[in-house]
Amino acid sequence: GVYHAISICDSEGMDLKYYFDAFNEMSPLIGISSELARKQIATGDYSGNDATLDVHVAAQEHIVTVAEANGIDTSVPRFMIDRYRQAVAAGFGSKEIAAAFETFRKSS
């Protein structure tokens, strides 16, 4: 996902220094999000108030639109949209993104 985002920024003529600076500033959030996801997956409770899977589907659809407009491969965001939509279809649309885990886990 990171490299896909870099490709979009590059295609838009953005100085990648700004992307990497922003990424470095936001990187502590990855740890916070990871800890939240760990707790949600451990309990199976994906409720929260950050961003629902429905919101993430819409965001990924926007990424696909921008990527297509710039001639960038869309297989990464389309794969994620597919997984998110599977989770939405399973009833997790109003839940946090960690609920997408349920579409990756091995079925019994």
PDB file of N, CA and C in Angstrom:
ATOM      1  N   GLY A   1       0.791  -1.183   0.000  1.00  0.00           N
ATOM      2  CA  GLY A   1       0.000   0.000   0.000  1.00  0.00           C
ATOM      3  C   GLY A   1       0.849   1.269   0.000  1.00  0.00           C
ATOM      4  N   VAL A   2       1.937   1.227   0.755  1.00  0.00           N
ATOM      5  CA  VAL A   2       2.821   2.400   0.840  1.00  0.00           C
ATOM      6  C   VAL A   2       3.405   2.711  -0.528  1.00  0.00           C
ATOM      7  N   TYR A   3       3.873   1.692  -1.217  1.00  0.00           N
ATOM      8  CA  TYR A   3       4.503   1.931  -2.520  1.00  0.00           C
ATOM      9  C   TYR A   3       3.481   2.325  -3.576  1.00  0.00           C
ATOM     10  N   HIS A   4       2.263   1.834  -3.426  1.00  0.00           N
ATOM     11  CA  HIS A   4       1.197   2.257  -4.325  1.00  0.00           C
ATOM     12  C   HIS A   4       0.924   3.740  -4.113  1.00  0.00           C
ATOM     13  N   ALA A   5       0.867   4.166  -2.865  1.00  0.00           N
ATOM     14  CA  ALA A   5       0.646   5.586  -2.553  1.00  0.00           C
ATOM     15  C   ALA A   5       1.784   6.449  -3.103  1.00  0.00           C
ATOM     16  N   ILE A   6       2.995   5.962  -2.978  1.00  0.00           N
ATOM     17  CA  ILE A   6       4.149   6.702  -3.518  1.00  0.00           C
ATOM     18  C   ILE A   6       4.005   6.862  -5.027  1.00  0.00           C
ATOM     19  N   SER A   7       3.544   5.809  -5.703  1.00  0.00           N
ATOM     20  CA  SER A   7       3.355   5.868  -7.155  1.00  0.00           C
ATOM     21  C   SER A   7       2.323   6.920  -7.537  1.00  0.00           C
ATOM     22  N   ILE A   8       1.243   6.986  -6.757  1.00  0.00           N
ATOM     23  CA  ILE A   8       0.218   8.001  -7.035  1.00  0.00           C
ATOM     24  C   ILE A   8       0.800   9.397  -6.839  1.00  0.00           C
ATOM     25  N   CYS A   9       1.494   9.613  -5.739  1.00  0.00           N
ATOM     26  CA  CYS A   9       2.095  10.930  -5.480  1.00  0.00           C
ATOM     27  C   CYS A   9       3.069  11.314  -6.583  1.00  0.00           C
ATOM     28  N   ASP A  10       3.888  10.355  -6.991  1.00  0.00           N
ATOM     29  CA  ASP A  10       4.857  10.612  -8.059  1.00  0.00           C
ATOM     30  C   ASP A  10       4.141  10.963  -9.362  1.00  0.00           C
ATOM     31  N   SER A  11       3.051  10.242  -9.662  1.00  0.00           N
ATOM     32  CA  SER A  11       2.319  10.499 -10.905  1.00  0.00           C
ATOM     33  C   SER A  11       1.653  11.872 -10.902  1.00  0.00           C
ATOM     34  N   GLU A  12       1.396  12.392  -9.714  1.00  0.00           N
ATOM     35  CA  GLU A  12       0.793  13.720  -9.578  1.00  0.00           C
ATOM     36  C   GLU A  12       1.857  14.825  -9.566  1.00  0.00           C
ATOM     37  N   GLY A  13       3.129  14.431  -9.703  1.00  0.00           N
ATOM     38  CA  GLY A  13       4.213  15.404  -9.735  1.00  0.00           C
ATOM     39  C   GLY A  13       4.632  15.916  -8.358  1.00  0.00           C
ATOM     40  N   MET A  14       4.240  15.221  -7.333  1.00  0.00           N
ATOM     41  CA  MET A  14       4.571  15.632  -5.978  1.00  0.00           C
ATOM     42  C   MET A  14       6.023  15.323  -5.671  1.00  0.00           C
ATOM     43  N   ASP A  15       6.696  16.241  -5.008  1.00  0.00           N
ATOM     44  CA  ASP A  15       8.047  15.986  -4.511  1.00  0.00           C
ATOM     45  C   ASP A  15       7.908  14.932  -3.416  1.00  0.00           C
ATOM     46  N   LEU A  16       8.487  13.754  -3.613  1.00  0.00           N
ATOM     47  CA  LEU A  16       8.286  12.640  -2.696  1.00  0.00           C
ATOM     48  C   LEU A  16       8.839  12.908  -1.301  1.00  0.00           C
ATOM     49  N   LYS A  17       9.661  13.910  -1.175  1.00  0.00           N
ATOM     50  CA  LYS A  17      10.141  14.314   0.149  1.00  0.00           C
ATOM     51  C   LYS A  17       8.953  14.603   1.057  1.00  0.00           C
ATOM     52  N   TYR A  18       7.919  15.250   0.511  1.00  0.00           N
ATOM     53  CA  TYR A  18       6.745  15.593   1.315  1.00  0.00           C
ATOM     54  C   TYR A  18       5.972  14.350   1.744  1.00  0.00           C
ATOM     55  N   TYR A  19       5.900  13.370   0.850  1.00  0.00           N
ATOM     56  CA  TYR A  19       5.237  12.120   1.206  1.00  0.00           C
ATOM     57  C   TYR A  19       5.974  11.461   2.363  1.00  0.00           C
ATOM     58  N   PHE A  20       7.302  11.307   2.211  1.00  0.00           N
ATOM     59  CA  PHE A  20       8.063  10.622   3.242  1.00  0.00           C
ATOM     60  C   PHE A  20       8.064  11.398   4.555  1.00  0.00           C
ATOM     61  N   ASP A  21       8.102  12.708   4.500  1.00  0.00           N
ATOM     62  CA  ASP A  21       8.008  13.516   5.720  1.00  0.00           C
ATOM     63  C   ASP A  21       6.667  13.280   6.415  1.00  0.00           C
ATOM     64  N   ALA A  22       5.594  13.305   5.644  1.00  0.00           N
ATOM     65  CA  ALA A  22       4.265  13.084   6.210  1.00  0.00           C
ATOM     66  C   ALA A  22       4.142  11.667   6.766  1.00  0.00           C
ATOM     67  N   PHE A  23       4.667  10.700   6.025  1.00  0.00           N
ATOM     68  CA  PHE A  23       4.614   9.308   6.479  1.00  0.00           C
ATOM     69  C   PHE A  23       5.356   9.155   7.797  1.00  0.00           C
ATOM     70  N   ASN A  24       6.524   9.754   7.893  1.00  0.00           N
ATOM     71  CA  ASN A  24       7.296   9.660   9.130  1.00  0.00           C
ATOM     72  C   ASN A  24       6.562  10.308  10.304  1.00  0.00           C
ATOM     73  N   GLU A  25       5.881  11.400  10.047  1.00  0.00           N
ATOM     74  CA  GLU A  25       5.113  12.056  11.111  1.00  0.00           C
ATOM     75  C   GLU A  25       3.912  11.219  11.545  1.00  0.00           C
ATOM     76  N   MET A  26       3.326  10.491  10.594  1.00  0.00           N
ATOM     77  CA  MET A  26       2.157   9.678  10.913  1.00  0.00           C
ATOM     78  C   MET A  26       2.505   8.277  11.403  1.00  0.00           C
ATOM     79  N   SER A  27       3.748   7.861  11.245  1.00  0.00           N
ATOM     80  CA  SER A  27       4.110   6.479  11.575  1.00  0.00           C
ATOM     81  C   SER A  27       3.802   6.070  13.016  1.00  0.00           C
ATOM     82  N   PRO A  28       3.850   6.958  14.009  1.00  0.00           N
ATOM     83  CA  PRO A  28       3.435   6.515  15.345  1.00  0.00           C
ATOM     84  C   PRO A  28       1.982   6.034  15.386  1.00  0.00           C
ATOM     85  N   LEU A  29       1.158   6.551  14.494  1.00  0.00           N
ATOM     86  CA  LEU A  29      -0.243   6.111  14.453  1.00  0.00           C
ATOM     87  C   LEU A  29      -0.368   4.654  14.033  1.00  0.00           C
ATOM     88  N   ILE A  30       0.616   4.164  13.274  1.00  0.00           N
ATOM     89  CA  ILE A  30       0.583   2.764  12.853  1.00  0.00           C
ATOM     90  C   ILE A  30       0.665   1.859  14.071  1.00  0.00           C
ATOM     91  N   GLY A  31       1.539   2.212  15.020  1.00  0.00           N
ATOM     92  CA  GLY A  31       1.655   1.434  16.248  1.00  0.00           C
ATOM     93  C   GLY A  31       0.383   1.480  17.074  1.00  0.00           C
ATOM     94  N   ILE A  32      -0.224   2.644  17.161  1.00  0.00           N
ATOM     95  CA  ILE A  32      -1.476   2.794  17.910  1.00  0.00           C
ATOM     96  C   ILE A  32      -2.581   1.983  17.247  1.00  0.00           C
ATOM     97  N   SER A  33      -2.677   2.075  15.930  1.00  0.00           N
ATOM     98  CA  SER A  33      -3.691   1.314  15.194  1.00  0.00           C
ATOM     99  C   SER A  33      -3.462  -0.181  15.323  1.00  0.00           C
ATOM    100  N   SER A  34      -2.203  -0.578  15.301  1.00  0.00           N
ATOM    101  CA  SER A  34      -1.863  -1.993  15.436  1.00  0.00           C
ATOM    102  C   SER A  34      -2.277  -2.525  16.805  1.00  0.00           C
ATOM    103  N   GLU A  35      -2.043  -1.750  17.836  1.00  0.00           N
ATOM    104  CA  GLU A  35      -2.434  -2.175  19.184  1.00  0.00           C
ATOM    105  C   GLU A  35      -3.951  -2.291  19.301  1.00  0.00           C
ATOM    106  N   LEU A  36      -4.673  -1.338  18.729  1.00  0.00           N
ATOM    107  CA  LEU A  36      -6.133  -1.405  18.740  1.00  0.00           C
ATOM    108  C   LEU A  36      -6.608  -2.651  17.986  1.00  0.00           C
ATOM    109  N   ALA A  37      -6.029  -2.900  16.814  1.00  0.00           N
ATOM    110  CA  ALA A  37      -6.410  -4.075  16.027  1.00  0.00           C
ATOM    111  C   ALA A  37      -6.114  -5.364  16.799  1.00  0.00           C
ATOM    112  N   ARG A  38      -4.987  -5.412  17.492  1.00  0.00           N
ATOM    113  CA  ARG A  38      -4.628  -6.601  18.279  1.00  0.00           C
ATOM    114  C   ARG A  38      -5.723  -6.898  19.299  1.00  0.00           C
ATOM    115  N   LYS A  39      -6.172  -5.859  19.997  1.00  0.00           N
ATOM    116  CA  LYS A  39      -7.211  -6.040  21.010  1.00  0.00           C
ATOM    117  C   LYS A  39      -8.538  -6.447  20.369  1.00  0.00           C
ATOM    118  N   GLN A  40      -8.871  -5.820  19.246  1.00  0.00           N
ATOM    119  CA  GLN A  40     -10.141  -6.140  18.587  1.00  0.00           C
ATOM    120  C   GLN A  40     -10.145  -7.567  18.065  1.00  0.00           C
ATOM    121  N   ILE A  41      -9.057  -7.995  17.461  1.00  0.00           N
ATOM    122  CA  ILE A  41      -8.971  -9.354  16.930  1.00  0.00           C
ATOM    123  C   ILE A  41      -9.006 -10.369  18.072  1.00  0.00           C
ATOM    124  N   ALA A  42      -8.309 -10.077  19.167  1.00  0.00           N
ATOM    125  CA  ALA A  42      -8.281 -10.995  20.308  1.00  0.00           C
ATOM    126  C   ALA A  42      -9.667 -11.190  20.918  1.00  0.00           C
ATOM    127  N   THR A  43     -10.464 -10.141  20.928  1.00  0.00           N
ATOM    128  CA  THR A  43     -11.793 -10.220  21.546  1.00  0.00           C
ATOM    129  C   THR A  43     -12.912 -10.497  20.545  1.00  0.00           C
ATOM    130  N   GLY A  44     -12.634 -10.257  19.259  1.00  0.00           N
ATOM    131  CA  GLY A  44     -13.672 -10.391  18.244  1.00  0.00           C
ATOM    132  C   GLY A  44     -14.655  -9.234  18.269  1.00  0.00           C
ATOM    133  N   ASP A  45     -14.314  -8.189  19.007  1.00  0.00           N
ATOM    134  CA  ASP A  45     -15.162  -6.997  19.105  1.00  0.00           C
ATOM    135  C   ASP A  45     -14.527  -5.891  18.275  1.00  0.00           C
ATOM    136  N   TYR A  46     -15.117  -5.615  17.128  1.00  0.00           N
ATOM    137  CA  TYR A  46     -14.552  -4.636  16.196  1.00  0.00           C
ATOM    138  C   TYR A  46     -15.257  -3.283  16.268  1.00  0.00           C
ATOM    139  N   SER A  47     -15.959  -3.049  17.350  1.00  0.00           N
ATOM    140  CA  SER A  47     -16.628  -1.756  17.485  1.00  0.00           C
ATOM    141  C   SER A  47     -15.594  -0.679  17.799  1.00  0.00           C
ATOM    142  N   GLY A  48     -15.925   0.546  17.455  1.00  0.00           N
ATOM    143  CA  GLY A  48     -15.032   1.667  17.710  1.00  0.00           C
ATOM    144  C   GLY A  48     -15.592   2.920  17.095  1.00  0.00           C
ATOM    145  N   ASN A  49     -14.804   3.967  17.129  1.00  0.00           N
ATOM    146  CA  ASN A  49     -15.287   5.244  16.605  1.00  0.00           C
ATOM    147  C   ASN A  49     -14.263   5.926  15.697  1.00  0.00           C
ATOM    148  N   ASP A  50     -13.382   5.154  15.081  1.00  0.00           N
ATOM    149  CA  ASP A  50     -12.404   5.741  14.158  1.00  0.00           C
ATOM    150  C   ASP A  50     -12.991   5.847  12.756  1.00  0.00           C
ATOM    151  N   ALA A  51     -12.940   4.769  11.992  1.00  0.00           N
ATOM    152  CA  ALA A  51     -13.485   4.770  10.630  1.00  0.00           C
ATOM    153  C   ALA A  51     -14.015   3.373  10.332  1.00  0.00           C
ATOM    154  N   THR A  52     -15.245   3.318   9.895  1.00  0.00           N
ATOM    155  CA  THR A  52     -15.876   2.030   9.618  1.00  0.00           C
ATOM    156  C   THR A  52     -15.333   1.421   8.328  1.00  0.00           C
ATOM    157  N   LEU A  53     -15.619   0.159   8.158  1.00  0.00           N
ATOM    158  CA  LEU A  53     -15.252  -0.501   6.897  1.00  0.00           C
ATOM    159  C   LEU A  53     -15.943   0.158   5.719  1.00  0.00           C
ATOM    160  N   ASP A  54     -17.170   0.625   5.910  1.00  0.00           N
ATOM    161  CA  ASP A  54     -17.859   1.336   4.835  1.00  0.00           C
ATOM    162  C   ASP A  54     -17.055   2.561   4.397  1.00  0.00           C
ATOM    163  N   VAL A  55     -16.471   3.268   5.342  1.00  0.00           N
ATOM    164  CA  VAL A  55     -15.640   4.432   5.027  1.00  0.00           C
ATOM    165  C   VAL A  55     -14.377   3.995   4.285  1.00  0.00           C
ATOM    166  N   HIS A  56     -13.785   2.895   4.709  1.00  0.00           N
ATOM    167  CA  HIS A  56     -12.570   2.409   4.048  1.00  0.00           C
ATOM    168  C   HIS A  56     -12.846   1.944   2.620  1.00  0.00           C
ATOM    169  N   VAL A  57     -14.010   1.356   2.377  1.00  0.00           N
ATOM    170  CA  VAL A  57     -14.383   0.981   1.009  1.00  0.00           C
ATOM    171  C   VAL A  57     -14.432   2.232   0.140  1.00  0.00           C
ATOM    172  N   ALA A  58     -15.090   3.262   0.624  1.00  0.00           N
ATOM    173  CA  ALA A  58     -15.189   4.514  -0.146  1.00  0.00           C
ATOM    174  C   ALA A  58     -13.807   5.121  -0.390  1.00  0.00           C
ATOM    175  N   ALA A  59     -12.939   5.081   0.599  1.00  0.00           N
ATOM    176  CA  ALA A  59     -11.590   5.632   0.436  1.00  0.00           C
ATOM    177  C   ALA A  59     -10.806   4.848  -0.616  1.00  0.00           C
ATOM    178  N   GLN A  60     -10.885   3.524  -0.561  1.00  0.00           N
ATOM    179  CA  GLN A  60     -10.179   2.702  -1.543  1.00  0.00           C
ATOM    180  C   GLN A  60     -10.743   2.917  -2.950  1.00  0.00           C
ATOM    181  N   GLU A  61     -12.050   3.121  -3.062  1.00  0.00           N
ATOM    182  CA  GLU A  61     -12.634   3.403  -4.368  1.00  0.00           C
ATOM    183  C   GLU A  61     -12.085   4.718  -4.930  1.00  0.00           C
ATOM    184  N   HIS A  62     -11.886   5.700  -4.073  1.00  0.00           N
ATOM    185  CA  HIS A  62     -11.296   6.964  -4.512  1.00  0.00           C
ATOM    186  C   HIS A  62      -9.854   6.744  -4.967  1.00  0.00           C
ATOM    187  N   ILE A  63      -9.117   5.936  -4.243  1.00  0.00           N
ATOM    188  CA  ILE A  63      -7.741   5.627  -4.624  1.00  0.00           C
ATOM    189  C   ILE A  63      -7.712   4.967  -5.996  1.00  0.00           C
ATOM    190  N   VAL A  64      -8.638   4.043  -6.249  1.00  0.00           N
ATOM    191  CA  VAL A  64      -8.716   3.392  -7.566  1.00  0.00           C
ATOM    192  C   VAL A  64      -8.977   4.434  -8.648  1.00  0.00           C
ATOM    193  N   THR A  65      -9.886   5.348  -8.400  1.00  0.00           N
ATOM    194  CA  THR A  65     -10.210   6.390  -9.375  1.00  0.00           C
ATOM    195  C   THR A  65      -8.980   7.224  -9.716  1.00  0.00           C
ATOM    196  N   VAL A  66      -8.256   7.646  -8.695  1.00  0.00           N
ATOM    197  CA  VAL A  66      -7.054   8.465  -8.916  1.00  0.00           C
ATOM    198  C   VAL A  66      -5.978   7.644  -9.627  1.00  0.00           C
ATOM    199  N   ALA A  67      -5.792   6.408  -9.205  1.00  0.00           N
ATOM    200  CA  ALA A  67      -4.782   5.552  -9.839  1.00  0.00           C
ATOM    201  C   ALA A  67      -5.103   5.333 -11.315  1.00  0.00           C
ATOM    202  N   GLU A  68      -6.358   5.018 -11.619  1.00  0.00           N
ATOM    203  CA  GLU A  68      -6.747   4.809 -13.018  1.00  0.00           C
ATOM    204  C   GLU A  68      -6.511   6.068 -13.849  1.00  0.00           C
ATOM    205  N   ALA A  69      -6.839   7.209 -13.289  1.00  0.00           N
ATOM    206  CA  ALA A  69      -6.651   8.473 -14.012  1.00  0.00           C
ATOM    207  C   ALA A  69      -5.189   8.749 -14.309  1.00  0.00           C
ATOM    208  N   ASN A  70      -4.310   8.155 -13.518  1.00  0.00           N
ATOM    209  CA  ASN A  70      -2.874   8.376 -13.688  1.00  0.00           C
ATOM    210  C   ASN A  70      -2.147   7.171 -14.282  1.00  0.00           C
ATOM    211  N   GLY A  71      -2.898   6.179 -14.745  1.00  0.00           N
ATOM    212  CA  GLY A  71      -2.290   5.023 -15.401  1.00  0.00           C
ATOM    213  C   GLY A  71      -1.531   4.103 -14.454  1.00  0.00           C
ATOM    214  N   ILE A  72      -1.932   4.082 -13.192  1.00  0.00           N
ATOM    215  CA  ILE A  72      -1.238   3.251 -12.191  1.00  0.00           C
ATOM    216  C   ILE A  72      -2.038   1.968 -11.964  1.00  0.00           C
ATOM    217  N   ASP A  73      -1.337   0.875 -11.790  1.00  0.00           N
ATOM    218  CA  ASP A  73      -1.952  -0.417 -11.517  1.00  0.00           C
ATOM    219  C   ASP A  73      -2.893  -0.299 -10.313  1.00  0.00           C
ATOM    220  N   THR A  74      -4.062  -0.897 -10.404  1.00  0.00           N
ATOM    221  CA  THR A  74      -5.056  -0.803  -9.338  1.00  0.00           C
ATOM    222  C   THR A  74      -5.286  -2.125  -8.608  1.00  0.00           C
ATOM    223  N   SER A  75      -4.423  -3.113  -8.843  1.00  0.00           N
ATOM    224  CA  SER A  75      -4.672  -4.424  -8.239  1.00  0.00           C
ATOM    225  C   SER A  75      -4.594  -4.392  -6.714  1.00  0.00           C
ATOM    226  N   VAL A  76      -3.722  -3.583  -6.136  1.00  0.00           N
ATOM    227  CA  VAL A  76      -3.612  -3.531  -4.668  1.00  0.00           C
ATOM    228  C   VAL A  76      -4.879  -2.951  -4.044  1.00  0.00           C
ATOM    229  N   PRO A  77      -5.302  -1.745  -4.424  1.00  0.00           N
ATOM    230  CA  PRO A  77      -6.526  -1.240  -3.798  1.00  0.00           C
ATOM    231  C   PRO A  77      -7.761  -2.058  -4.155  1.00  0.00           C
ATOM    232  N   ARG A  78      -7.818  -2.641  -5.357  1.00  0.00           N
ATOM    233  CA  ARG A  78      -8.972  -3.472  -5.706  1.00  0.00           C
ATOM    234  C   ARG A  78      -9.021  -4.738  -4.840  1.00  0.00           C
ATOM    235  N   PHE A  79      -7.859  -5.290  -4.551  1.00  0.00           N
ATOM    236  CA  PHE A  79      -7.804  -6.454  -3.659  1.00  0.00           C
ATOM    237  C   PHE A  79      -8.356  -6.082  -2.283  1.00  0.00           C
ATOM    238  N   MET A  80      -7.944  -4.927  -1.767  1.00  0.00           N
ATOM    239  CA  MET A  80      -8.411  -4.502  -0.454  1.00  0.00           C
ATOM    240  C   MET A  80      -9.910  -4.196  -0.476  1.00  0.00           C
ATOM    241  N   ILE A  81     -10.378  -3.558  -1.531  1.00  0.00           N
ATOM    242  CA  ILE A  81     -11.821  -3.311  -1.642  1.00  0.00           C
ATOM    243  C   ILE A  81     -12.586  -4.630  -1.595  1.00  0.00           C
ATOM    244  N   ASP A  82     -12.087  -5.645  -2.299  1.00  0.00           N
ATOM    245  CA  ASP A  82     -12.743  -6.945  -2.310  1.00  0.00           C
ATOM    246  C   ASP A  82     -12.830  -7.515  -0.897  1.00  0.00           C
ATOM    247  N   ARG A  83     -11.735  -7.456  -0.161  1.00  0.00           N
ATOM    248  CA  ARG A  83     -11.730  -7.970   1.217  1.00  0.00           C
ATOM    249  C   ARG A  83     -12.657  -7.162   2.115  1.00  0.00           C
ATOM    250  N   TYR A  84     -12.597  -5.844   1.981  1.00  0.00           N
ATOM    251  CA  TYR A  84     -13.462  -4.990   2.800  1.00  0.00           C
ATOM    252  C   TYR A  84     -14.929  -5.268   2.478  1.00  0.00           C
ATOM    253  N   ARG A  85     -15.256  -5.425   1.198  1.00  0.00           N
ATOM    254  CA  ARG A  85     -16.643  -5.707   0.817  1.00  0.00           C
ATOM    255  C   ARG A  85     -17.102  -7.062   1.345  1.00  0.00           C
ATOM    256  N   GLN A  86     -16.196  -8.036   1.382  1.00  0.00           N
ATOM    257  CA  GLN A  86     -16.548  -9.331   1.967  1.00  0.00           C
ATOM    258  C   GLN A  86     -16.903  -9.165   3.441  1.00  0.00           C
ATOM    259  N   ALA A  87     -16.123  -8.343   4.133  1.00  0.00           N
ATOM    260  CA  ALA A  87     -16.393  -8.097   5.551  1.00  0.00           C
ATOM    261  C   ALA A  87     -17.712  -7.339   5.724  1.00  0.00           C
ATOM    262  N   VAL A  88     -17.965  -6.375   4.839  1.00  0.00           N
ATOM    263  CA  VAL A  88     -19.231  -5.638   4.885  1.00  0.00           C
ATOM    264  C   VAL A  88     -20.396  -6.609   4.666  1.00  0.00           C
ATOM    265  N   ALA A  89     -20.267  -7.494   3.679  1.00  0.00           N
ATOM    266  CA  ALA A  89     -21.318  -8.473   3.392  1.00  0.00           C
ATOM    267  C   ALA A  89     -21.541  -9.423   4.569  1.00  0.00           C
ATOM    268  N   ALA A  90     -20.506  -9.629   5.367  1.00  0.00           N
ATOM    269  CA  ALA A  90     -20.617 -10.489   6.545  1.00  0.00           C
ATOM    270  C   ALA A  90     -21.189  -9.741   7.750  1.00  0.00           C
ATOM    271  N   GLY A  91     -21.552  -8.469   7.530  1.00  0.00           N
ATOM    272  CA  GLY A  91     -22.179  -7.710   8.598  1.00  0.00           C
ATOM    273  C   GLY A  91     -21.265  -6.769   9.361  1.00  0.00           C
ATOM    274  N   PHE A  92     -20.044  -6.562   8.867  1.00  0.00           N
ATOM    275  CA  PHE A  92     -19.077  -5.728   9.582  1.00  0.00           C
ATOM    276  C   PHE A  92     -18.954  -4.301   9.032  1.00  0.00           C
ATOM    277  N   GLY A  93     -19.873  -3.868   8.183  1.00  0.00           N
ATOM    278  CA  GLY A  93     -19.755  -2.556   7.558  1.00  0.00           C
ATOM    279  C   GLY A  93     -19.656  -1.401   8.524  1.00  0.00           C
ATOM    280  N   SER A  94     -20.313  -1.506   9.655  1.00  0.00           N
ATOM    281  CA  SER A  94     -20.285  -0.418  10.645  1.00  0.00           C
ATOM    282  C   SER A  94     -19.183  -0.612  11.682  1.00  0.00           C
ATOM    283  N   LYS A  95     -18.338  -1.595  11.462  1.00  0.00           N
ATOM    284  CA  LYS A  95     -17.251  -1.901  12.402  1.00  0.00           C
ATOM    285  C   LYS A  95     -15.931  -1.324  11.911  1.00  0.00           C
ATOM    286  N   GLU A  96     -14.923  -1.404  12.762  1.00  0.00           N
ATOM    287  CA  GLU A  96     -13.600  -0.894  12.436  1.00  0.00           C
ATOM    288  C   GLU A  96     -12.898  -1.787  11.412  1.00  0.00           C
ATOM    289  N   ILE A  97     -11.859  -1.252  10.801  1.00  0.00           N
ATOM    290  CA  ILE A  97     -11.147  -1.931   9.723  1.00  0.00           C
ATOM    291  C   ILE A  97     -10.550  -3.270  10.153  1.00  0.00           C
ATOM    292  N   ALA A  98     -10.237  -3.445  11.415  1.00  0.00           N
ATOM    293  CA  ALA A  98      -9.674  -4.725  11.867  1.00  0.00           C
ATOM    294  C   ALA A  98     -10.614  -5.887  11.589  1.00  0.00           C
ATOM    295  N   ALA A  99     -11.898  -5.605  11.414  1.00  0.00           N
ATOM    296  CA  ALA A  99     -12.857  -6.661  11.096  1.00  0.00           C
ATOM    297  C   ALA A  99     -12.543  -7.328   9.758  1.00  0.00           C
ATOM    298  N   ALA A 100     -11.789  -6.664   8.908  1.00  0.00           N
ATOM    299  CA  ALA A 100     -11.390  -7.278   7.634  1.00  0.00           C
ATOM    300  C   ALA A 100     -10.559  -8.531   7.877  1.00  0.00           C
ATOM    301  N   PHE A 101      -9.955  -8.625   9.050  1.00  0.00           N
ATOM    302  CA  PHE A 101      -9.219  -9.831   9.439  1.00  0.00           C
ATOM    303  C   PHE A 101     -10.062 -11.072   9.223  1.00  0.00           C
ATOM    304  N   GLU A 102     -11.346 -10.945   9.474  1.00  0.00           N
ATOM    305  CA  GLU A 102     -12.233 -12.096   9.354  1.00  0.00           C
ATOM    306  C   GLU A 102     -12.297 -12.627   7.924  1.00  0.00           C
ATOM    307  N   THR A 103     -11.971 -11.807   6.932  1.00  0.00           N
ATOM    308  CA  THR A 103     -11.996 -12.273   5.533  1.00  0.00           C
ATOM    309  C   THR A 103     -10.669 -12.926   5.137  1.00  0.00           C
ATOM    310  N   PHE A 104      -9.660 -12.777   5.968  1.00  0.00           N
ATOM    311  CA  PHE A 104      -8.356 -13.371   5.679  1.00  0.00           C
ATOM    312  C   PHE A 104      -8.128 -14.687   6.427  1.00  0.00           C
ATOM    313  N   ARG A 105      -8.775 -14.818   7.549  1.00  0.00           N
ATOM    314  CA  ARG A 105      -8.466 -15.972   8.391  1.00  0.00           C
ATOM    315  C   ARG A 105      -8.923 -17.278   7.748  1.00  0.00           C
ATOM    316  N   LYS A 106      -8.249 -18.332   8.114  1.00  0.00           N
ATOM    317  CA  LYS A 106      -8.548 -19.654   7.582  1.00  0.00           C
ATOM    318  C   LYS A 106      -9.921 -20.093   8.064  1.00  0.00           C
ATOM    319  N   SER A 107     -10.747 -20.524   7.127  1.00  0.00           N
ATOM    320  CA  SER A 107     -12.064 -21.015   7.529  1.00  0.00           C
ATOM    321  C   SER A 107     -11.928 -22.429   8.050  1.00  0.00           C
ATOM    322  N   SER A 108     -12.768 -22.767   9.020  1.00  0.00           N
ATOM    323  CA  SER A 108     -12.668 -24.106   9.615  1.00  0.00           C
ATOM    324  C   SER A 108     -13.440 -25.137   8.855  1.00  0.00           C
TER     325      SER A 108
END
